Amino acid sequence: MDLHAFAETHEVTNQPPPLEGANLYRIDLPLQQWAQRYGAGWAEQQIDAYGALAGGPLMSAGFLANENKPVFHSHDRYGHRIDLVAFHPAYHELMRAAVEHGLPSLPWTDPRAGAHVARAAMTYMHTQAEAGSGCPLTMTFACVPALKLQPDLAEQWLPKVLAREYDPRNVGIAHKAGATIGMAMTEKQGGTDVRANTTRAYPVGAGGPGQAYELVGHKWFCSAPMCDAFLTLAQTDKGLSCFLLPRHRPDDSRNQFYIQRLKNKLGNCSNASSEVEFRGALAWMIGEEGRGVPTIIEMVAMTRFDCMVGSSALMRQALTQAAHHCAHRRVSGRLLSEQPLMQNVLADLGLESEAALALSLRMGNALDRPDDPQQAHFARLVTAVGKYWICKRAPALINEAAECMGGAGYVEDSILPRLYREAPVNSTWEGSGNVQCLDVLRALSKEPGVLDSLFIELGDGHGDKRLAAHIDALKAAFLDTTDIQYRARQLTEDIALGLQAKLLLEAGNSAVSDGFIASRLGTAGRVYGTLPRGVPAQALLQRCTPLWS
């Protein structure tokens, strides 16, 4: 008897084929349709090319970058202070691909209709491959409106911020063709309350906008500390002001910018987040002295938009993995995707994912029309509404998607654990849920035209009685200002759902819009997989399943 024959205990069966190498644009029908709908058709070739990168080499690089976290080196082997964060080559591969394809620059260098939408579509796919590198990418993208408030600094920095060249060397800006920008706002005692910041700025000379200062203080969170410069806040005699603080001084010496340690985070592991001290760090004032918060809000508005896009992307990748798994995995002799209850779950996840994408790209569409007051008001409001709602929905959706895959979705060989750990960062970073909801109230009550723009956008329900009733209830809720802060989350949720329902109705796919309205504005259950009777689950499942499956 050949005993070695018993070493082969089984044959591997009933496992889905690998999903590696898929073009994330070509397998995603909703992305194709919404990008086209909002004016990015001219960029389809570019988006398609990035889809191939994101689903192929960048997906592999994402695993490597997260398995090999950045490492902080305070000193070199000779004892010199260097404050250097070392990254795995895979991280640089991700950054280089994004920069060279214009993810931080496209809407600014080619500001035609659909540019923000095209850039958001590529960011959506990049984030599915790896989310941590998105932090410096989004801050580099988002710094442009703030820098433009100070033309002399913009003239020096913007050509390199907008260049499609990634240069990770630890050298002064004069020696680089391309630059990345980070942010440092939060302090230990303040958190969201940046007006409690204690970092001080002392003028080197005359002081004022565009002038040099030396900063003394700390930051509890400094994102991407190997960027070439940072937007930061510090107190002057006239109050909190905004500054651009480079890592190197004009004479190429190191600035007095000291990294204390890297944060040990739940997720976002490929990205370095740090605690830093400024010990006389040279920086230049941006915008009006004492108006630091309104100045840096120019940047924060764009990073909040990217939180919407990023959370939508995490949801889509989780859905892609779950739908692909269920299209090939059999239980009791039938594919999971053929079983009614699983169809209910996956179709529900598909509705959530598509609604998040629709609102995110509609936001990009508004940013593409900055001279239209209606669109400007819409963008002002939806920055907070979308950031709150989409980011809140992501963790539960990813958890459900992992459950669809059983144990295969719980092990680190799968991307699902990384997606799940990543999801909470977008709801916390750039202002937590309560901050966003209070900002919604602030915009609606104190900024003329914003409330009107909301109900202009919502319209009369577009022929759907359920949406019309939702809009009427929303109007009544805003007329009653009693304990309105206490109700701010419910109001924000109702705005988000109304906007998503309206966008899906306008797009004309009745299966999607009817399913969303019946479940979100109706009496469906409180967890995913509770779509009511009559929703065409099979059609919805077919729409959200990767097209090549």
Protein backbone atom coordinates (compact mmCIF):
# COMPACT_ATOMS: atom_id res chain seq x y z
CA MET A 1 0.00 0.00 0.00
CA ASP A 2 1.26 3.47 -0.91
CA LEU A 3 0.80 5.34 2.36
CA HIS A 4 1.77 8.63 0.70
CA ALA A 5 -1.55 8.56 -1.13
CA PHE A 6 -3.27 9.32 2.17
CA ALA A 7 -1.34 12.61 2.50
CA GLU A 8 -3.64 14.07 -0.13
CA THR A 9 -6.68 14.39 2.08
CA HIS A 10 -8.91 16.37 -0.23
CA GLU A 11 -9.32 18.27 -3.46
CA VAL A 12 -10.02 22.01 -3.27
CA THR A 13 -13.52 22.67 -4.58
CA ASN A 14 -16.34 25.17 -4.10
CA GLN A 15 -14.01 28.15 -3.86
CA PRO A 16 -14.44 31.34 -5.94
CA PRO A 17 -11.79 32.12 -8.54
CA PRO A 18 -9.33 34.88 -7.65
CA LEU A 19 -10.53 38.42 -8.24
CA GLU A 20 -7.00 39.78 -8.68
CA GLY A 21 -6.28 41.70 -11.83
CA ALA A 22 -9.81 42.98 -12.43
CA ASN A 23 -10.18 46.44 -13.94
CA LEU A 24 -12.11 48.21 -11.18
CA TYR A 25 -13.79 50.50 -13.69
CA ARG A 26 -14.90 47.85 -16.15
CA ILE A 27 -16.42 45.56 -13.51
CA ASP A 28 -18.40 48.40 -11.90
CA LEU A 29 -21.49 49.32 -13.93
CA PRO A 30 -22.80 51.94 -11.44
CA LEU A 31 -19.45 53.77 -11.50
CA GLN A 32 -19.45 53.85 -15.30
CA GLN A 33 -22.98 55.22 -15.45
CA TRP A 34 -22.68 57.82 -12.70
CA ALA A 35 -19.34 59.14 -13.97
CA GLN A 36 -20.88 59.54 -17.42
CA ARG A 37 -24.01 61.13 -15.98
CA TYR A 38 -22.05 63.84 -14.21
CA GLY A 39 -19.85 64.86 -17.10
CA ALA A 40 -16.70 62.74 -16.87
CA GLY A 41 -17.22 60.93 -20.16
CA TRP A 42 -14.34 62.81 -21.78
CA ALA A 43 -11.99 61.25 -19.20
CA GLU A 44 -13.22 57.67 -19.61
CA GLN A 45 -9.99 56.46 -21.18
CA GLN A 46 -7.99 57.89 -18.29
CA ILE A 47 -10.40 56.49 -15.70
CA ASP A 48 -10.37 53.10 -17.40
CA ALA A 49 -6.57 53.02 -17.39
CA TYR A 50 -6.52 53.79 -13.69
CA GLY A 51 -9.10 51.07 -13.09
CA ALA A 52 -6.67 48.54 -14.54
CA LEU A 53 -3.88 49.85 -12.30
CA ALA A 54 -6.02 49.91 -9.17
CA GLY A 55 -7.33 46.38 -9.61
CA GLY A 56 -3.95 44.99 -10.57
CA PRO A 57 -0.54 46.22 -9.35
CA LEU A 58 -1.92 48.77 -6.90
CA MET A 59 -4.14 46.19 -5.23
CA SER A 60 -1.05 44.03 -4.64
CA ALA A 61 0.92 47.05 -3.44
CA GLY A 62 -1.88 47.83 -0.98
CA PHE A 63 -1.42 44.54 0.80
CA LEU A 64 2.35 45.03 1.01
CA ALA A 65 2.08 48.62 2.23
CA ASN A 66 -0.24 47.58 5.05
CA GLU A 67 1.80 44.53 6.02
CA ASN A 68 4.93 46.74 6.24
CA LYS A 69 3.98 49.76 8.31
CA PRO A 70 5.98 53.00 8.21
CA VAL A 71 8.86 53.16 10.68
CA PHE A 72 10.02 56.32 12.48
CA HIS A 73 13.75 57.03 12.80
CA SER A 74 14.44 59.94 15.13
CA HIS A 75 18.25 59.85 14.67
CA ASP A 76 20.74 58.47 12.21
CA ARG A 77 23.44 56.01 13.27
CA TYR A 78 25.81 58.87 14.06
CA GLY A 79 23.39 60.49 16.51
CA HIS A 80 22.12 63.30 14.29
CA ARG A 81 18.42 64.15 14.63
CA ILE A 82 16.76 63.33 11.28
CA ASP A 83 13.01 62.88 11.99
CA LEU A 84 12.62 60.47 9.11
CA VAL A 85 9.69 58.13 8.45
CA ALA A 86 10.63 55.20 6.22
CA PHE A 87 8.00 53.57 4.00
CA HIS A 88 7.90 50.27 2.16
CA PRO A 89 8.49 50.61 -1.61
CA ALA A 90 4.89 49.54 -2.19
CA TYR A 91 3.68 52.73 -0.52
CA HIS A 92 5.80 54.82 -2.87
CA GLU A 93 4.43 52.82 -5.80
CA LEU A 94 0.90 53.79 -4.76
CA MET A 95 1.81 57.43 -4.29
CA ARG A 96 3.69 57.63 -7.58
CA ALA A 97 0.84 56.11 -9.58
CA ALA A 98 -1.70 58.51 -8.07
CA VAL A 99 0.42 61.63 -8.54
CA GLU A 100 1.42 60.76 -12.09
CA HIS A 101 -2.23 60.18 -13.02
CA GLY A 102 -3.32 63.51 -11.56
CA LEU A 103 -5.33 62.41 -8.52
CA PRO A 104 -4.14 65.42 -6.46
CA SER A 105 -4.16 67.86 -9.39
CA LEU A 106 -6.58 67.11 -12.22
CA PRO A 107 -9.42 69.55 -11.41
CA TRP A 108 -6.95 72.39 -10.85
CA THR A 109 -4.78 71.85 -13.93
CA ASP A 110 -7.65 70.94 -16.30
CA PRO A 111 -10.70 72.69 -14.81
CA ARG A 112 -13.26 71.68 -17.42
CA ALA A 113 -16.75 70.35 -16.78
CA GLY A 114 -16.54 66.92 -15.16
CA ALA A 115 -12.98 67.28 -13.89
CA HIS A 116 -13.86 66.89 -10.21
CA VAL A 117 -16.05 63.92 -11.09
CA ALA A 118 -13.27 62.26 -13.12
CA ARG A 119 -10.78 62.80 -10.33
CA ALA A 120 -13.27 61.45 -7.75
CA ALA A 121 -13.84 58.34 -9.91
CA MET A 122 -10.11 57.60 -9.99
CA THR A 123 -9.79 58.30 -6.27
CA TYR A 124 -12.71 55.92 -5.69
CA MET A 125 -10.79 53.12 -7.37
CA HIS A 126 -7.44 54.01 -5.79
CA THR A 127 -9.02 53.85 -2.33
CA GLN A 128 -10.37 50.38 -3.04
CA ALA A 129 -6.80 49.25 -3.64
CA GLU A 130 -5.31 51.07 -0.66
CA ALA A 131 -6.78 53.82 1.49
CA GLY A 132 -3.84 54.97 3.62
CA SER A 133 -2.00 56.68 0.80
CA GLY A 134 -5.15 58.71 0.26
CA CYS A 135 -4.31 60.92 3.25
CA PRO A 136 -1.38 62.84 1.69
CA LEU A 137 -3.06 62.67 -1.73
CA THR A 138 -6.25 64.31 -0.54
CA MET A 139 -4.43 66.98 1.47
CA THR A 140 -2.25 67.84 -1.51
CA PHE A 141 -5.41 68.10 -3.63
CA ALA A 142 -7.31 70.05 -0.98
CA CYS A 143 -4.63 72.62 -0.11
CA VAL A 144 -4.99 74.44 -3.44
CA PRO A 145 -7.96 76.70 -2.56
CA ALA A 146 -6.28 77.71 0.71
CA LEU A 147 -2.92 78.43 -0.93
CA LYS A 148 -4.61 80.58 -3.56
CA LEU A 149 -5.69 82.94 -0.78
CA GLN A 150 -2.03 83.96 -0.50
CA PRO A 151 -0.85 84.67 -4.08
CA ASP A 152 2.84 85.10 -3.27
CA LEU A 153 3.03 81.70 -1.58
CA ALA A 154 0.84 80.14 -4.26
CA GLU A 155 3.23 81.34 -6.95
CA GLN A 156 6.09 79.55 -5.22
CA TRP A 157 4.34 76.35 -4.17
CA LEU A 158 1.47 75.57 -6.53
CA PRO A 159 3.58 74.65 -9.58
CA LYS A 160 5.15 71.87 -7.52
CA VAL A 161 1.97 70.87 -5.71
CA LEU A 162 0.22 70.47 -9.06
CA ALA A 163 3.08 68.75 -10.85
CA ARG A 164 2.58 65.13 -11.86
CA GLU A 165 5.89 64.09 -10.40
CA TYR A 166 6.27 62.21 -7.14
CA ASP A 167 9.53 62.87 -5.31
CA PRO A 168 9.74 61.32 -1.81
CA ARG A 169 13.29 62.56 -1.11
CA ASN A 170 13.88 64.32 2.19
CA VAL A 171 15.23 67.52 0.64
CA GLY A 172 14.19 71.16 0.34
CA ILE A 173 11.46 72.23 -2.03
CA ALA A 174 13.92 74.05 -4.30
CA HIS A 175 15.39 70.68 -5.29
CA LYS A 176 12.06 69.04 -6.15
CA ALA A 177 9.84 69.12 -9.21
CA GLY A 178 6.83 67.86 -7.22
CA ALA A 179 5.60 68.37 -3.65
CA THR A 180 3.03 66.92 -1.27
CA ILE A 181 1.21 68.81 1.47
CA GLY A 182 0.04 67.64 4.89
CA MET A 183 -2.00 69.13 7.71
CA ALA A 184 -1.46 69.69 11.44
CA MET A 185 -4.37 71.19 13.37
CA THR A 186 -5.35 69.07 16.37
CA GLU A 187 -3.77 69.63 19.81
CA LYS A 188 -4.03 67.55 22.98
CA GLN A 189 -6.31 69.92 24.86
CA GLY A 190 -8.52 70.91 21.95
CA GLY A 191 -9.29 68.12 19.53
CA THR A 192 -12.10 69.42 17.33
CA ASP A 193 -12.07 72.70 19.26
CA VAL A 194 -9.12 74.21 17.40
CA ARG A 195 -9.81 77.61 18.97
CA ALA A 196 -8.39 76.10 22.17
CA ASN A 197 -5.03 75.62 20.43
CA THR A 198 -2.05 77.00 22.32
CA THR A 199 0.67 76.90 19.64
CA ARG A 200 2.02 80.44 19.26
CA ALA A 201 3.34 82.23 16.20
CA TYR A 202 5.93 84.99 16.55
CA PRO A 203 6.63 87.32 13.60
CA VAL A 204 10.18 87.27 12.31
CA GLY A 205 9.75 90.77 10.88
CA ALA A 206 6.74 92.94 10.19
CA GLY A 207 4.20 90.14 10.36
CA GLY A 208 0.91 89.81 8.52
CA PRO A 209 -0.32 87.80 5.51
CA GLY A 210 2.48 86.19 3.53
CA GLN A 211 5.08 87.05 6.17
CA ALA A 212 7.43 84.73 8.06
CA TYR A 213 6.77 83.60 11.63
CA GLU A 214 8.34 81.16 14.04
CA LEU A 215 5.93 78.67 15.63
CA VAL A 216 6.28 77.18 19.10
CA GLY A 217 3.95 74.45 20.29
CA HIS A 218 2.69 70.95 19.52
CA LYS A 219 0.21 69.04 17.37
CA TRP A 220 -1.43 65.86 18.63
CA PHE A 221 -2.20 64.71 15.09
CA CYS A 222 -0.04 65.62 12.13
CA SER A 223 -1.01 63.64 9.06
CA ALA A 224 1.66 62.35 6.69
CA PRO A 225 4.74 63.90 8.38
CA MET A 226 7.00 63.26 5.39
CA CYS A 227 5.11 65.77 3.26
CA ASP A 228 7.04 68.79 2.05
CA ALA A 229 4.92 71.32 3.93
CA PHE A 230 1.90 71.49 6.23
CA LEU A 231 -1.04 73.77 6.71
CA THR A 232 -1.28 74.44 10.43
CA LEU A 233 -2.90 76.77 12.93
CA ALA A 234 -1.26 78.95 15.57
CA GLN A 235 -2.21 81.88 17.77
CA THR A 236 -1.03 85.43 17.10
CA ASP A 237 -1.94 88.63 18.92
CA LYS A 238 -5.04 88.82 16.68
CA GLY A 239 -6.15 85.23 17.22
CA LEU A 240 -5.89 81.87 15.51
CA SER A 241 -4.17 82.15 12.13
CA CYS A 242 -3.24 79.78 9.31
CA PHE A 243 0.33 79.05 8.26
CA LEU A 244 2.27 77.08 5.67
CA LEU A 245 5.11 75.29 7.45
CA PRO A 246 7.72 73.55 5.24
CA ARG A 247 9.92 70.70 6.43
CA HIS A 248 13.01 72.53 5.23
CA ARG A 249 14.01 76.17 5.52
CA PRO A 250 14.96 78.19 2.42
CA ASP A 251 18.66 77.56 3.12
CA ASP A 252 17.95 73.76 2.96
CA SER A 253 18.48 73.26 6.67
CA ARG A 254 15.91 71.22 8.58
CA ASN A 255 13.06 73.24 9.96
CA GLN A 256 12.44 73.07 13.71
CA PHE A 257 9.77 70.42 13.18
CA TYR A 258 10.22 67.42 15.45
CA ILE A 259 8.30 64.16 15.24
CA GLN A 260 7.65 62.73 18.70
CA ARG A 261 6.17 59.39 17.68
CA LEU A 262 3.85 57.74 15.17
CA LYS A 263 0.28 56.96 16.15
CA ASN A 264 -0.61 53.30 16.64
CA LYS A 265 -3.99 53.31 14.90
CA LEU A 266 -6.90 50.95 14.47
CA GLY A 267 -6.52 51.12 10.70
CA ASN A 268 -5.03 53.41 8.06
CA CYS A 269 -1.83 51.49 8.73
CA SER A 270 0.17 52.30 5.61
CA ASN A 271 -0.09 56.01 6.40
CA ALA A 272 2.03 57.68 9.05
CA SER A 273 0.12 59.86 11.50
CA SER A 274 2.26 61.55 14.09
CA GLU A 275 2.64 63.76 17.12
CA VAL A 276 4.95 66.72 16.45
CA GLU A 277 6.48 69.72 18.17
CA PHE A 278 7.36 73.10 16.68
CA ARG A 279 10.40 74.59 18.37
CA GLY A 280 10.68 77.86 16.49
CA ALA A 281 9.58 76.31 13.20
CA LEU A 282 9.64 78.78 10.32
CA ALA A 283 6.24 79.24 8.64
CA TRP A 284 4.42 81.77 6.47
CA MET A 285 0.99 83.20 7.19
CA ILE A 286 -1.80 82.36 4.75
CA GLY A 287 -4.78 84.67 4.58
CA GLU A 288 -5.89 87.28 7.05
CA GLU A 289 -4.36 87.28 10.54
CA GLY A 290 -6.81 85.98 13.14
CA ARG A 291 -8.92 84.30 10.45
CA GLY A 292 -7.16 80.94 10.49
CA VAL A 293 -10.26 78.77 10.76
CA PRO A 294 -12.06 80.25 7.71
CA THR A 295 -8.79 80.00 5.79
CA ILE A 296 -8.08 76.37 6.55
CA ILE A 297 -11.75 75.50 6.01
CA GLU A 298 -10.98 76.03 2.32
CA MET A 299 -8.86 72.90 2.63
CA VAL A 300 -11.10 71.02 5.04
CA ALA A 301 -14.10 71.29 2.72
CA MET A 302 -12.23 69.36 0.06
CA THR A 303 -10.86 66.75 2.44
CA ARG A 304 -14.39 66.16 3.75
CA PHE A 305 -15.50 65.56 0.17
CA ASP A 306 -12.78 62.94 -0.11
CA CYS A 307 -14.08 61.31 3.09
CA MET A 308 -17.35 60.80 1.20
CA VAL A 309 -15.55 59.36 -1.81
CA GLY A 310 -13.28 57.23 0.37
CA SER A 311 -16.08 55.67 2.41
CA SER A 312 -18.06 55.01 -0.77
CA ALA A 313 -14.99 53.27 -2.17
CA LEU A 314 -14.56 51.05 0.89
CA MET A 315 -18.20 50.02 0.63
CA ARG A 316 -17.86 49.25 -3.06
CA GLN A 317 -14.79 47.05 -2.60
CA ALA A 318 -16.48 45.15 0.24
CA LEU A 319 -19.55 44.65 -1.92
CA THR A 320 -17.41 43.55 -4.88
CA GLN A 321 -15.71 40.90 -2.77
CA ALA A 322 -18.97 39.64 -1.24
CA ALA A 323 -20.91 39.55 -4.51
CA HIS A 324 -18.06 37.78 -6.30
CA HIS A 325 -17.81 35.21 -3.51
CA CYS A 326 -21.53 34.52 -3.51
CA ALA A 327 -21.64 34.20 -7.30
CA HIS A 328 -19.33 31.17 -7.05
CA ARG A 329 -19.86 29.63 -3.62
CA ARG A 330 -22.43 26.85 -3.25
CA VAL A 331 -24.34 25.98 -0.10
CA SER A 332 -26.74 23.02 -0.07
CA GLY A 333 -26.13 22.56 -3.75
CA ARG A 334 -27.10 26.09 -4.80
CA LEU A 335 -25.05 29.20 -5.41
CA LEU A 336 -25.37 31.66 -2.56
CA SER A 337 -26.33 34.34 -5.07
CA GLU A 338 -29.36 32.24 -6.09
CA GLN A 339 -30.72 31.96 -2.57
CA PRO A 340 -33.51 34.44 -1.74
CA LEU A 341 -32.28 35.65 1.62
CA MET A 342 -28.73 36.21 0.37
CA GLN A 343 -30.16 38.05 -2.62
CA ASN A 344 -31.98 40.32 -0.21
CA VAL A 345 -28.77 41.06 1.68
CA LEU A 346 -26.58 41.65 -1.38
CA ALA A 347 -29.21 43.73 -3.17
CA ASP A 348 -29.54 45.89 -0.05
CA LEU A 349 -25.78 46.38 0.10
CA GLY A 350 -25.83 47.26 -3.58
CA LEU A 351 -28.45 49.96 -3.00
CA GLU A 352 -26.40 51.47 -0.18
CA SER A 353 -23.22 51.44 -2.23
CA GLU A 354 -24.79 53.01 -5.29
CA ALA A 355 -26.58 55.70 -3.29
CA ALA A 356 -23.27 56.66 -1.65
CA LEU A 357 -21.53 56.84 -5.01
CA ALA A 358 -24.35 58.89 -6.54
CA LEU A 359 -24.24 61.51 -3.77
CA SER A 360 -20.44 61.67 -3.88
CA LEU A 361 -20.25 62.20 -7.64
CA ARG A 362 -23.14 64.67 -7.51
CA MET A 363 -21.01 66.58 -5.03
CA GLY A 364 -18.16 66.51 -7.54
CA ASN A 365 -20.58 67.77 -10.17
CA ALA A 366 -21.39 70.75 -7.93
CA LEU A 367 -17.70 71.49 -7.43
CA ASP A 368 -17.32 71.56 -11.20
CA ARG A 369 -19.73 74.52 -11.30
CA PRO A 370 -18.36 76.94 -8.66
CA ASP A 371 -19.77 80.04 -10.36
CA ASP A 372 -23.36 78.81 -10.03
CA PRO A 373 -24.74 80.01 -6.65
CA GLN A 374 -27.15 77.07 -6.41
CA GLN A 375 -24.30 74.60 -6.86
CA ALA A 376 -22.08 76.48 -4.40
CA HIS A 377 -24.83 76.33 -1.76
CA PHE A 378 -25.40 72.66 -2.52
CA ALA A 379 -21.70 71.88 -2.13
CA ARG A 380 -21.52 73.82 1.13
CA LEU A 381 -24.33 71.75 2.62
CA VAL A 382 -23.59 68.33 1.17
CA THR A 383 -19.96 68.46 2.27
CA ALA A 384 -21.25 68.03 5.82
CA VAL A 385 -24.34 65.93 5.05
CA GLY A 386 -22.48 63.43 2.88
CA LYS A 387 -19.46 63.27 5.14
CA TYR A 388 -21.71 62.40 8.07
CA TRP A 389 -24.04 59.91 6.43
CA ILE A 390 -21.81 57.99 4.03
CA CYS A 391 -19.03 57.62 6.56
CA LYS A 392 -21.52 56.38 9.16
CA ARG A 393 -22.92 53.75 6.79
CA ALA A 394 -19.61 52.24 5.76
CA PRO A 395 -18.61 50.15 8.84
CA ALA A 396 -21.93 48.30 9.06
CA LEU A 397 -21.98 47.59 5.33
CA ILE A 398 -18.43 46.21 5.39
CA ASN A 399 -19.27 44.04 8.38
CA GLU A 400 -22.28 42.63 6.53
CA ALA A 401 -20.22 42.01 3.40
CA ALA A 402 -17.64 40.11 5.43
CA GLU A 403 -20.42 38.02 6.97
CA CYS A 404 -21.64 37.11 3.46
CA MET A 405 -18.25 35.47 2.96
CA GLY A 406 -18.25 33.65 6.29
CA GLY A 407 -14.82 32.81 7.67
CA ALA A 408 -13.23 33.74 4.33
CA GLY A 409 -14.15 37.36 5.02
CA TYR A 410 -12.69 37.33 8.52
CA VAL A 411 -9.13 36.23 7.82
CA GLU A 412 -6.31 38.57 6.89
CA ASP A 413 -5.77 36.84 3.54
CA SER A 414 -8.93 38.69 2.53
CA ILE A 415 -9.09 42.46 2.11
CA LEU A 416 -12.25 42.66 4.24
CA PRO A 417 -10.51 43.03 7.64
CA ARG A 418 -8.45 45.92 6.28
CA LEU A 419 -11.55 47.60 4.85
CA TYR A 420 -13.33 47.19 8.18
CA ARG A 421 -10.46 48.69 10.17
CA GLU A 422 -10.16 51.52 7.68
CA ALA A 423 -13.82 52.53 7.72
CA PRO A 424 -13.98 54.46 11.04
CA VAL A 425 -11.23 56.91 10.14
CA ASN A 426 -13.37 58.84 7.66
CA SER A 427 -16.14 59.45 10.19
CA THR A 428 -13.63 60.71 12.77
CA TRP A 429 -11.08 62.60 10.68
CA GLU A 430 -11.94 66.19 9.71
CA GLY A 431 -14.72 66.39 12.27
CA SER A 432 -16.74 63.60 13.83
CA GLY A 433 -20.45 62.98 13.30
CA ASN A 434 -21.69 65.56 15.77
CA VAL A 435 -19.43 68.21 14.25
CA GLN A 436 -20.86 67.53 10.80
CA CYS A 437 -24.47 67.63 11.95
CA LEU A 438 -23.98 70.89 13.84
CA ASP A 439 -22.30 72.27 10.73
CA VAL A 440 -25.40 71.31 8.74
CA LEU A 441 -27.52 73.39 11.13
CA ARG A 442 -25.03 76.25 10.93
CA ALA A 443 -25.11 76.27 7.14
CA LEU A 444 -28.90 76.07 6.94
CA SER A 445 -29.58 78.72 9.57
CA LYS A 446 -26.78 81.24 9.10
CA GLU A 447 -25.75 81.14 5.44
CA PRO A 448 -28.30 82.80 3.12
CA GLY A 449 -29.51 80.65 0.28
CA VAL A 450 -28.40 77.26 1.60
CA LEU A 451 -31.78 76.15 2.95
CA ASP A 452 -33.51 77.29 -0.23
CA SER A 453 -30.93 75.46 -2.33
CA LEU A 454 -31.66 72.22 -0.47
CA PHE A 455 -35.37 72.27 -1.28
CA ILE A 456 -34.73 73.44 -4.83
CA GLU A 457 -32.52 70.38 -5.24
CA LEU A 458 -35.06 68.05 -3.63
CA GLY A 459 -37.92 69.44 -5.70
CA ASP A 460 -41.44 68.11 -5.25
CA GLY A 461 -40.66 64.40 -5.11
CA HIS A 462 -40.28 63.84 -8.84
CA GLY A 463 -43.59 62.05 -9.08
CA ASP A 464 -42.96 59.71 -6.15
CA LYS A 465 -45.47 60.16 -3.32
CA ARG A 466 -43.16 58.59 -0.76
CA LEU A 467 -40.36 61.03 -1.51
CA ALA A 468 -42.79 63.94 -1.63
CA ALA A 469 -44.04 63.03 1.86
CA HIS A 470 -40.45 62.76 3.09
CA ILE A 471 -39.66 66.24 1.76
CA ASP A 472 -42.79 67.71 3.37
CA ALA A 473 -41.85 66.15 6.70
CA LEU A 474 -38.34 67.56 6.36
CA LYS A 475 -39.69 71.06 5.76
CA ALA A 476 -41.88 70.77 8.84
CA ALA A 477 -38.94 69.54 10.90
CA PHE A 478 -36.95 72.66 10.03
CA LEU A 479 -39.84 74.98 10.85
CA ASP A 480 -39.82 73.60 14.38
CA THR A 481 -36.62 74.93 15.94
CA THR A 482 -37.36 73.47 19.39
CA ASP A 483 -34.41 71.35 20.57
CA ILE A 484 -33.07 71.38 17.00
CA GLN A 485 -29.50 70.59 18.07
CA TYR A 486 -30.76 67.52 19.91
CA ARG A 487 -32.37 66.40 16.62
CA ALA A 488 -29.45 67.33 14.38
CA ARG A 489 -28.47 63.75 13.52
CA GLN A 490 -31.99 62.78 12.52
CA LEU A 491 -32.34 65.91 10.38
CA THR A 492 -29.02 65.27 8.66
CA GLU A 493 -29.94 61.65 8.00
CA ASP A 494 -33.28 62.72 6.51
CA ILE A 495 -31.55 65.24 4.23
CA ALA A 496 -29.12 62.58 3.04
CA LEU A 497 -31.81 60.02 2.35
CA GLY A 498 -33.95 62.56 0.52
CA LEU A 499 -31.07 63.65 -1.68
CA GLN A 500 -30.02 60.08 -2.45
CA ALA A 501 -33.59 59.07 -3.31
CA LYS A 502 -33.94 62.08 -5.60
CA LEU A 503 -30.66 61.37 -7.42
CA LEU A 504 -31.57 57.72 -7.97
CA LEU A 505 -35.03 58.68 -9.25
CA GLU A 506 -33.55 61.19 -11.68
CA ALA A 507 -31.16 58.59 -13.07
CA GLY A 508 -34.09 56.57 -14.33
CA ASN A 509 -33.30 53.04 -13.16
CA SER A 510 -36.61 52.14 -11.53
CA ALA A 511 -35.28 48.98 -9.88
CA VAL A 512 -32.66 51.00 -8.02
CA SER A 513 -34.83 53.99 -7.14
CA ASP A 514 -37.88 51.95 -6.13
CA GLY A 515 -35.76 49.59 -4.04
CA PHE A 516 -34.03 52.46 -2.29
CA ILE A 517 -37.19 54.45 -1.58
CA ALA A 518 -39.18 51.41 -0.46
CA SER A 519 -36.48 50.39 1.99
CA ARG A 520 -35.05 53.74 3.16
CA LEU A 521 -38.20 55.87 3.19
CA GLY A 522 -40.56 53.00 3.95
CA THR A 523 -40.88 50.54 6.80
CA ALA A 524 -38.03 48.14 6.11
CA GLY A 525 -36.00 46.59 8.91
CA ARG A 526 -33.05 48.15 10.67
CA VAL A 527 -30.28 45.93 9.33
CA TYR A 528 -29.16 45.09 5.80
CA GLY A 529 -31.10 42.29 4.14
CA THR A 530 -34.58 43.48 5.12
CA LEU A 531 -35.77 44.77 1.75
CA PRO A 532 -39.58 44.67 1.60
CA ARG A 533 -41.56 42.46 -0.70
CA GLY A 534 -41.72 43.53 -4.32
CA VAL A 535 -38.18 44.90 -4.55
CA PRO A 536 -36.48 43.32 -7.61
CA ALA A 537 -33.59 41.82 -5.66
CA GLN A 538 -32.31 39.68 -8.53
CA ALA A 539 -32.02 42.67 -10.86
CA LEU A 540 -30.27 44.70 -8.17
CA LEU A 541 -27.89 41.85 -7.44
CA GLN A 542 -27.05 41.49 -11.11
CA ARG A 543 -26.31 45.22 -11.28
CA CYS A 544 -23.88 45.27 -8.35
CA THR A 545 -22.09 41.96 -9.00
CA PRO A 546 -18.71 42.40 -10.75
CA LEU A 547 -19.45 42.28 -14.46
CA TRP A 548 -16.88 39.66 -15.32
CA SER A 549 -18.13 37.11 -12.76
